[in-house]
Amino acid sequence: MKIKIILCTSFIFVAAILICAIVPSTIQTSTPAPAYEFYGRHFVASYKNCDSEALQRIPFLMKVFEKAVQSSGATILKYDCIEFPGNGVTAYFVLSESHASIHTYPEHNSCFVDLFTCGYSCSHENFDRILESYLKPKDTDKHLYIRS
C-alpha cells in the first residue's frame, strides 16, 4: 500500500513539473496595465444663495451636473442620486479618474460640489463654469487642492 501511495504521489509531482514547464510557453500574457502617476486635483466649491428653482428642479439639475462632469473630460462609470424630504439631493458619479458629487440644501438655496480627478487629463474649469452658470450663486467659495 505504501509503495502505491509513493508511486502515485511521485507521478503527480512529475506531472505537475511537466505541466509547469510546458504551459507557460503556450499561455499568452496580456500587456501589463500602464503605471499611473500618483497625482490628482480635487476641486471643492460651495455655491451659496443660488437660484432656488434651479436647485429644486432635480431632473434638470442632474442633467446639468452630468454635463458638467462630462465637460471636465472625465469618464463616467456609475451614477446615483438620492432625494431627501424637502427636495434636497445627494448625487455622485463614480469616474474612471475618481468621483464627482453634489449635495443640495434647498432650504439654504445652496449646495456643495466636488470633482476629484487623478492624473493630468481632466480639468475642473468647465465643470465649475457649467454648474455656476446654471445655479447662479451670488456667493461662492472655491478651492483646488493638488494631491500627490
N, C-alpha and C. Protein backbone atom coordinates (compact mmCIF):
# COMPACT_ATOMS: atom_id res chain seq x y z
N MET A 1 0.81 -1.19 0.00
CA MET A 1 0.00 0.00 0.00
C MET A 1 0.86 1.26 0.00
N LYS A 2 1.95 1.27 0.83
CA LYS A 2 2.84 2.43 0.87
C LYS A 2 3.51 2.65 -0.47
N ILE A 3 3.84 1.60 -1.16
CA ILE A 3 4.50 1.73 -2.45
C ILE A 3 3.57 2.37 -3.45
N LYS A 4 2.31 1.98 -3.47
CA LYS A 4 1.33 2.56 -4.40
C LYS A 4 1.15 4.05 -4.12
N ILE A 5 1.07 4.44 -2.85
CA ILE A 5 0.89 5.85 -2.50
C ILE A 5 2.11 6.64 -2.92
N ILE A 6 3.31 6.11 -2.68
CA ILE A 6 4.54 6.80 -3.07
C ILE A 6 4.62 6.93 -4.58
N LEU A 7 4.31 5.86 -5.31
CA LEU A 7 4.33 5.91 -6.77
C LEU A 7 3.30 6.90 -7.30
N CYS A 8 2.12 6.91 -6.71
CA CYS A 8 1.06 7.83 -7.13
C CYS A 8 1.48 9.27 -6.86
N THR A 9 2.02 9.54 -5.67
CA THR A 9 2.49 10.87 -5.31
C THR A 9 3.62 11.30 -6.23
N SER A 10 4.53 10.39 -6.53
CA SER A 10 5.65 10.70 -7.42
C SER A 10 5.14 11.03 -8.81
N PHE A 11 4.17 10.28 -9.29
CA PHE A 11 3.60 10.53 -10.62
C PHE A 11 2.96 11.92 -10.68
N ILE A 12 2.19 12.29 -9.65
CA ILE A 12 1.53 13.61 -9.62
C ILE A 12 2.59 14.71 -9.59
N PHE A 13 3.65 14.53 -8.82
CA PHE A 13 4.71 15.52 -8.72
C PHE A 13 5.39 15.72 -10.08
N VAL A 14 5.73 14.62 -10.76
CA VAL A 14 6.36 14.69 -12.08
C VAL A 14 5.42 15.34 -13.08
N ALA A 15 4.14 14.98 -13.05
CA ALA A 15 3.16 15.57 -13.96
C ALA A 15 3.05 17.08 -13.74
N ALA A 16 3.07 17.51 -12.48
CA ALA A 16 2.99 18.93 -12.17
C ALA A 16 4.20 19.67 -12.72
N ILE A 17 5.38 19.07 -12.59
CA ILE A 17 6.61 19.70 -13.12
C ILE A 17 6.52 19.82 -14.64
N LEU A 18 6.07 18.78 -15.31
CA LEU A 18 5.93 18.83 -16.77
C LEU A 18 4.92 19.87 -17.21
N ILE A 19 3.80 19.96 -16.51
CA ILE A 19 2.77 20.96 -16.86
C ILE A 19 3.35 22.37 -16.68
N CYS A 20 4.02 22.60 -15.58
CA CYS A 20 4.61 23.92 -15.33
C CYS A 20 5.66 24.28 -16.37
N ALA A 21 6.36 23.29 -16.87
CA ALA A 21 7.40 23.54 -17.87
C ALA A 21 6.80 23.81 -19.24
N ILE A 22 5.67 23.18 -19.55
CA ILE A 22 5.08 23.29 -20.88
C ILE A 22 4.07 24.45 -20.97
N VAL A 23 3.18 24.57 -20.02
CA VAL A 23 2.06 25.52 -20.10
C VAL A 23 2.49 26.97 -20.23
N PRO A 24 3.45 27.48 -19.44
CA PRO A 24 3.78 28.89 -19.57
C PRO A 24 4.17 29.30 -20.99
N SER A 25 4.76 28.40 -21.74
CA SER A 25 5.15 28.78 -23.09
C SER A 25 3.95 28.86 -24.03
N THR A 26 2.83 28.27 -23.64
CA THR A 26 1.66 28.30 -24.51
C THR A 26 0.65 29.35 -24.08
N ILE A 27 0.75 29.88 -22.86
CA ILE A 27 -0.19 30.89 -22.39
C ILE A 27 0.26 32.25 -22.90
N GLN A 28 -0.68 32.99 -23.48
CA GLN A 28 -0.35 34.34 -23.94
C GLN A 28 -0.59 35.29 -22.78
N THR A 29 0.37 36.11 -22.51
CA THR A 29 0.22 37.08 -21.42
C THR A 29 -0.30 38.38 -22.00
N SER A 30 -1.13 39.06 -21.20
CA SER A 30 -1.65 40.36 -21.65
C SER A 30 -0.62 41.43 -21.37
N THR A 31 -0.78 42.54 -22.03
CA THR A 31 0.10 43.68 -21.81
C THR A 31 -0.12 44.19 -20.40
N PRO A 32 0.93 44.47 -19.68
CA PRO A 32 0.73 44.97 -18.31
C PRO A 32 0.01 46.32 -18.33
N ALA A 33 -0.78 46.55 -17.28
CA ALA A 33 -1.50 47.82 -17.17
C ALA A 33 -0.49 48.96 -17.07
N PRO A 34 -0.82 50.09 -17.69
CA PRO A 34 0.12 51.23 -17.61
C PRO A 34 0.21 51.72 -16.17
N ALA A 35 1.36 52.23 -15.82
CA ALA A 35 1.57 52.80 -14.49
C ALA A 35 1.04 54.23 -14.51
N TYR A 36 0.32 54.61 -13.49
CA TYR A 36 -0.22 55.96 -13.39
C TYR A 36 0.53 56.72 -12.32
N GLU A 37 0.72 57.99 -12.59
CA GLU A 37 1.39 58.83 -11.61
C GLU A 37 0.45 59.08 -10.44
N PHE A 38 0.99 59.13 -9.24
CA PHE A 38 0.22 59.39 -8.03
C PHE A 38 0.02 60.90 -7.91
N TYR A 39 -0.99 61.42 -8.62
CA TYR A 39 -1.24 62.86 -8.69
C TYR A 39 -2.73 63.06 -8.94
N GLY A 40 -3.31 64.04 -8.30
CA GLY A 40 -4.72 64.34 -8.54
C GLY A 40 -5.04 65.78 -8.21
N ARG A 41 -6.19 66.21 -8.74
CA ARG A 41 -6.70 67.56 -8.45
C ARG A 41 -8.09 67.41 -7.84
N HIS A 42 -8.30 68.06 -6.71
CA HIS A 42 -9.57 67.98 -6.02
C HIS A 42 -10.16 69.39 -5.94
N PHE A 43 -11.20 69.61 -6.74
CA PHE A 43 -11.91 70.88 -6.76
C PHE A 43 -13.11 70.76 -5.83
N VAL A 44 -13.22 71.67 -4.88
CA VAL A 44 -14.37 71.72 -3.99
C VAL A 44 -14.95 73.12 -4.02
N ALA A 45 -16.28 73.20 -4.00
CA ALA A 45 -16.92 74.51 -4.06
C ALA A 45 -18.20 74.50 -3.24
N SER A 46 -18.49 75.65 -2.66
CA SER A 46 -19.77 75.92 -2.03
C SER A 46 -20.42 77.00 -2.88
N TYR A 47 -21.60 76.71 -3.42
CA TYR A 47 -22.38 77.69 -4.18
C TYR A 47 -23.51 78.13 -3.26
N LYS A 48 -23.50 79.40 -2.88
CA LYS A 48 -24.46 79.92 -1.90
C LYS A 48 -25.40 80.93 -2.54
N ASN A 49 -26.61 81.00 -1.99
CA ASN A 49 -27.65 81.91 -2.49
C ASN A 49 -27.88 81.68 -3.98
N CYS A 50 -28.13 80.42 -4.32
CA CYS A 50 -28.38 80.02 -5.70
C CYS A 50 -29.83 80.31 -6.10
N ASP A 51 -30.09 80.22 -7.39
CA ASP A 51 -31.45 80.28 -7.91
C ASP A 51 -32.22 79.10 -7.31
N SER A 52 -33.24 79.38 -6.51
CA SER A 52 -33.94 78.31 -5.79
C SER A 52 -34.64 77.33 -6.73
N GLU A 53 -35.17 77.82 -7.84
CA GLU A 53 -35.81 76.92 -8.81
C GLU A 53 -34.80 75.96 -9.42
N ALA A 54 -33.61 76.46 -9.70
CA ALA A 54 -32.57 75.62 -10.30
C ALA A 54 -32.20 74.47 -9.36
N LEU A 55 -32.15 74.74 -8.08
CA LEU A 55 -31.82 73.69 -7.10
C LEU A 55 -32.94 72.66 -6.95
N GLN A 56 -34.19 73.09 -7.13
CA GLN A 56 -35.32 72.21 -6.85
C GLN A 56 -35.84 71.46 -8.07
N ARG A 57 -35.40 71.82 -9.25
CA ARG A 57 -35.77 71.06 -10.46
C ARG A 57 -34.75 69.93 -10.60
N ILE A 58 -34.92 68.91 -9.79
CA ILE A 58 -33.92 67.85 -9.64
C ILE A 58 -33.58 67.15 -10.95
N PRO A 59 -34.56 66.72 -11.76
CA PRO A 59 -34.17 66.04 -13.02
C PRO A 59 -33.29 66.92 -13.91
N PHE A 60 -33.63 68.21 -14.02
CA PHE A 60 -32.82 69.09 -14.86
C PHE A 60 -31.47 69.37 -14.22
N LEU A 61 -31.45 69.54 -12.90
CA LEU A 61 -30.19 69.75 -12.18
C LEU A 61 -29.25 68.57 -12.42
N MET A 62 -29.78 67.36 -12.41
CA MET A 62 -28.95 66.17 -12.62
C MET A 62 -28.40 66.12 -14.05
N LYS A 63 -29.18 66.58 -15.02
CA LYS A 63 -28.68 66.63 -16.41
C LYS A 63 -27.54 67.65 -16.52
N VAL A 64 -27.70 68.78 -15.86
CA VAL A 64 -26.65 69.80 -15.87
C VAL A 64 -25.40 69.28 -15.15
N PHE A 65 -25.60 68.61 -14.04
CA PHE A 65 -24.48 68.03 -13.29
C PHE A 65 -23.72 67.03 -14.16
N GLU A 66 -24.44 66.17 -14.86
CA GLU A 66 -23.80 65.20 -15.75
C GLU A 66 -23.03 65.90 -16.86
N LYS A 67 -23.64 66.93 -17.45
CA LYS A 67 -22.96 67.70 -18.50
C LYS A 67 -21.67 68.34 -17.95
N ALA A 68 -21.73 68.85 -16.74
CA ALA A 68 -20.56 69.47 -16.11
C ALA A 68 -19.44 68.44 -15.93
N VAL A 69 -19.82 67.25 -15.47
CA VAL A 69 -18.82 66.19 -15.27
C VAL A 69 -18.20 65.80 -16.62
N GLN A 70 -19.03 65.61 -17.63
CA GLN A 70 -18.52 65.24 -18.94
C GLN A 70 -17.60 66.32 -19.50
N SER A 71 -17.93 67.58 -19.24
CA SER A 71 -17.12 68.68 -19.77
C SER A 71 -15.72 68.73 -19.16
N SER A 72 -15.55 68.07 -18.02
CA SER A 72 -14.23 68.04 -17.38
C SER A 72 -13.27 67.10 -18.11
N GLY A 73 -13.84 66.24 -18.96
CA GLY A 73 -13.02 65.26 -19.66
C GLY A 73 -12.97 63.92 -18.95
N ALA A 74 -13.71 63.79 -17.85
CA ALA A 74 -13.72 62.55 -17.07
C ALA A 74 -14.59 61.49 -17.74
N THR A 75 -14.32 60.24 -17.41
CA THR A 75 -15.07 59.10 -17.93
C THR A 75 -16.01 58.60 -16.85
N ILE A 76 -17.32 58.69 -17.10
CA ILE A 76 -18.33 58.28 -16.13
C ILE A 76 -18.48 56.76 -16.15
N LEU A 77 -18.42 56.14 -14.97
CA LEU A 77 -18.61 54.70 -14.84
C LEU A 77 -19.95 54.35 -14.20
N LYS A 78 -20.37 55.16 -13.22
CA LYS A 78 -21.59 54.85 -12.47
C LYS A 78 -22.17 56.14 -11.91
N TYR A 79 -23.49 56.14 -11.69
CA TYR A 79 -24.18 57.32 -11.19
C TYR A 79 -25.24 56.89 -10.19
N ASP A 80 -25.46 57.73 -9.18
CA ASP A 80 -26.58 57.50 -8.27
C ASP A 80 -27.04 58.84 -7.73
N CYS A 81 -28.33 58.90 -7.39
CA CYS A 81 -28.93 60.12 -6.89
C CYS A 81 -29.92 59.73 -5.80
N ILE A 82 -29.80 60.36 -4.65
CA ILE A 82 -30.70 60.12 -3.53
C ILE A 82 -31.41 61.42 -3.20
N GLU A 83 -32.74 61.37 -3.21
CA GLU A 83 -33.53 62.54 -2.87
C GLU A 83 -33.95 62.46 -1.41
N PHE A 84 -34.00 63.61 -0.75
CA PHE A 84 -34.37 63.71 0.65
C PHE A 84 -35.63 64.54 0.79
N PRO A 85 -36.34 64.38 1.91
CA PRO A 85 -37.51 65.23 2.15
C PRO A 85 -37.10 66.70 2.09
N GLY A 86 -37.95 67.51 1.51
CA GLY A 86 -37.63 68.93 1.36
C GLY A 86 -36.90 69.24 0.07
N ASN A 87 -36.79 68.24 -0.83
CA ASN A 87 -36.18 68.41 -2.16
C ASN A 87 -34.66 68.49 -2.15
N GLY A 88 -34.02 68.11 -1.05
CA GLY A 88 -32.56 68.04 -1.05
C GLY A 88 -32.13 66.79 -1.81
N VAL A 89 -30.92 66.83 -2.30
CA VAL A 89 -30.42 65.70 -3.09
C VAL A 89 -28.92 65.53 -2.86
N THR A 90 -28.49 64.29 -2.86
CA THR A 90 -27.08 63.95 -2.93
C THR A 90 -26.93 63.07 -4.16
N ALA A 91 -26.03 63.46 -5.04
CA ALA A 91 -25.79 62.69 -6.26
C ALA A 91 -24.29 62.58 -6.46
N TYR A 92 -23.89 61.48 -7.09
CA TYR A 92 -22.47 61.30 -7.35
C TYR A 92 -22.26 60.50 -8.62
N PHE A 93 -21.13 60.75 -9.23
CA PHE A 93 -20.65 59.97 -10.35
C PHE A 93 -19.36 59.30 -9.92
N VAL A 94 -19.27 58.01 -10.13
CA VAL A 94 -18.00 57.32 -9.99
C VAL A 94 -17.33 57.45 -11.35
N LEU A 95 -16.13 57.94 -11.36
CA LEU A 95 -15.40 58.21 -12.59
C LEU A 95 -14.22 57.25 -12.72
N SER A 96 -13.80 57.03 -13.92
CA SER A 96 -12.58 56.27 -14.13
C SER A 96 -11.43 56.99 -13.42
N GLU A 97 -11.50 58.31 -13.37
CA GLU A 97 -10.45 59.12 -12.75
C GLU A 97 -10.66 59.34 -11.26
N SER A 98 -11.86 59.16 -10.72
CA SER A 98 -12.19 59.21 -9.30
C SER A 98 -13.68 59.44 -9.10
N HIS A 99 -14.11 60.69 -8.73
CA HIS A 99 -15.53 60.91 -8.45
C HIS A 99 -15.91 62.38 -8.57
N ALA A 100 -17.23 62.61 -8.64
CA ALA A 100 -17.82 63.94 -8.56
C ALA A 100 -19.08 63.83 -7.72
N SER A 101 -19.37 64.85 -6.91
CA SER A 101 -20.58 64.80 -6.09
C SER A 101 -21.21 66.18 -5.95
N ILE A 102 -22.50 66.15 -5.64
CA ILE A 102 -23.24 67.37 -5.34
C ILE A 102 -24.18 67.06 -4.17
N HIS A 103 -24.27 68.00 -3.25
CA HIS A 103 -25.14 67.89 -2.08
C HIS A 103 -25.91 69.21 -1.99
N THR A 104 -27.24 69.15 -2.19
CA THR A 104 -28.01 70.39 -2.21
C THR A 104 -28.71 70.62 -0.88
N TYR A 105 -28.88 71.90 -0.56
CA TYR A 105 -29.60 72.35 0.62
C TYR A 105 -30.59 73.42 0.17
N PRO A 106 -31.74 73.00 -0.39
CA PRO A 106 -32.69 73.97 -0.92
C PRO A 106 -33.19 74.96 0.15
N GLU A 107 -33.25 74.51 1.40
CA GLU A 107 -33.70 75.41 2.47
C GLU A 107 -32.73 76.57 2.69
N HIS A 108 -31.50 76.42 2.16
CA HIS A 108 -30.49 77.49 2.25
C HIS A 108 -30.14 78.04 0.86
N ASN A 109 -30.83 77.55 -0.18
CA ASN A 109 -30.52 77.94 -1.57
C ASN A 109 -29.04 77.75 -1.87
N SER A 110 -28.48 76.65 -1.39
CA SER A 110 -27.04 76.42 -1.51
C SER A 110 -26.73 74.96 -1.79
N CYS A 111 -25.49 74.71 -2.21
CA CYS A 111 -25.05 73.33 -2.41
C CYS A 111 -23.52 73.26 -2.32
N PHE A 112 -23.06 72.05 -2.07
CA PHE A 112 -21.63 71.73 -2.11
C PHE A 112 -21.39 70.85 -3.33
N VAL A 113 -20.28 71.06 -4.01
CA VAL A 113 -19.89 70.19 -5.12
C VAL A 113 -18.41 69.85 -4.99
N ASP A 114 -18.04 68.72 -5.55
CA ASP A 114 -16.62 68.43 -5.65
C ASP A 114 -16.36 67.58 -6.89
N LEU A 115 -15.16 67.70 -7.38
CA LEU A 115 -14.68 66.92 -8.52
C LEU A 115 -13.25 66.54 -8.22
N PHE A 116 -13.02 65.25 -8.01
CA PHE A 116 -11.66 64.77 -7.77
C PHE A 116 -11.26 63.92 -8.96
N THR A 117 -10.16 64.28 -9.60
CA THR A 117 -9.68 63.52 -10.76
C THR A 117 -8.20 63.22 -10.59
N CYS A 118 -7.85 61.99 -10.84
CA CYS A 118 -6.45 61.58 -10.80
C CYS A 118 -5.82 61.85 -12.17
N GLY A 119 -4.56 62.18 -12.16
CA GLY A 119 -3.84 62.43 -13.41
C GLY A 119 -3.96 63.87 -13.86
N TYR A 120 -3.56 64.09 -15.10
CA TYR A 120 -3.49 65.44 -15.65
C TYR A 120 -4.51 65.71 -16.75
N SER A 121 -5.28 64.72 -17.16
CA SER A 121 -6.11 64.87 -18.35
C SER A 121 -7.43 65.60 -18.13
N CYS A 122 -7.92 65.70 -16.91
CA CYS A 122 -9.21 66.34 -16.65
C CYS A 122 -9.02 67.75 -16.11
N SER A 123 -10.07 68.57 -16.30
CA SER A 123 -10.00 69.95 -15.87
C SER A 123 -11.28 70.34 -15.14
N HIS A 124 -11.14 71.03 -14.04
CA HIS A 124 -12.30 71.44 -13.25
C HIS A 124 -12.96 72.72 -13.76
N GLU A 125 -12.29 73.48 -14.61
CA GLU A 125 -12.80 74.79 -15.02
C GLU A 125 -14.15 74.72 -15.71
N ASN A 126 -14.30 73.81 -16.68
CA ASN A 126 -15.59 73.69 -17.37
C ASN A 126 -16.67 73.16 -16.43
N PHE A 127 -16.31 72.23 -15.57
CA PHE A 127 -17.23 71.70 -14.55
C PHE A 127 -17.80 72.85 -13.73
N ASP A 128 -16.93 73.70 -13.23
CA ASP A 128 -17.33 74.85 -12.42
C ASP A 128 -18.16 75.84 -13.23
N ARG A 129 -17.72 76.15 -14.43
CA ARG A 129 -18.42 77.15 -15.26
C ARG A 129 -19.86 76.72 -15.55
N ILE A 130 -20.06 75.45 -15.91
CA ILE A 130 -21.40 74.96 -16.25
C ILE A 130 -22.31 74.98 -15.03
N LEU A 131 -21.82 74.50 -13.90
CA LEU A 131 -22.66 74.50 -12.69
C LEU A 131 -22.97 75.91 -12.22
N GLU A 132 -21.98 76.78 -12.24
CA GLU A 132 -22.20 78.15 -11.79
C GLU A 132 -23.17 78.88 -12.72
N SER A 133 -23.06 78.62 -14.00
CA SER A 133 -23.97 79.24 -14.98
C SER A 133 -25.42 78.83 -14.73
N TYR A 134 -25.64 77.57 -14.39
CA TYR A 134 -26.99 77.08 -14.15
C TYR A 134 -27.53 77.50 -12.78
N LEU A 135 -26.72 77.37 -11.74
CA LEU A 135 -27.19 77.63 -10.38
C LEU A 135 -27.23 79.12 -10.02
N LYS A 136 -26.45 79.93 -10.72
CA LYS A 136 -26.39 81.37 -10.50
C LYS A 136 -26.19 81.76 -9.02
N PRO A 137 -25.15 81.24 -8.39
CA PRO A 137 -24.92 81.60 -6.98
C PRO A 137 -24.48 83.05 -6.85
N LYS A 138 -24.92 83.68 -5.78
CA LYS A 138 -24.48 85.05 -5.51
C LYS A 138 -23.15 85.04 -4.77
N ASP A 139 -22.88 83.96 -4.06
CA ASP A 139 -21.61 83.81 -3.32
C ASP A 139 -21.03 82.43 -3.61
N THR A 140 -19.72 82.38 -3.74
CA THR A 140 -19.04 81.10 -3.94
C THR A 140 -17.80 81.03 -3.06
N ASP A 141 -17.46 79.83 -2.73
CA ASP A 141 -16.21 79.56 -2.01
C ASP A 141 -15.60 78.36 -2.71
N LYS A 142 -14.48 78.55 -3.43
CA LYS A 142 -13.89 77.50 -4.26
C LYS A 142 -12.44 77.27 -3.88
N HIS A 143 -12.06 76.00 -3.95
CA HIS A 143 -10.67 75.64 -3.66
C HIS A 143 -10.25 74.50 -4.60
N LEU A 144 -9.01 74.55 -5.02
CA LEU A 144 -8.43 73.47 -5.79
C LEU A 144 -7.24 72.95 -4.99
N TYR A 145 -7.30 71.66 -4.65
CA TYR A 145 -6.23 71.02 -3.91
C TYR A 145 -5.46 70.09 -4.82
N ILE A 146 -4.16 70.23 -4.84
CA ILE A 146 -3.31 69.30 -5.58
C ILE A 146 -2.94 68.20 -4.61
N ARG A 147 -3.19 66.97 -5.05
CA ARG A 147 -2.93 65.83 -4.17
C ARG A 147 -1.88 64.96 -4.82
N SER A 148 -0.86 64.65 -4.04
CA SER A 148 0.21 63.78 -4.56
C SER A 148 0.89 63.06 -3.42
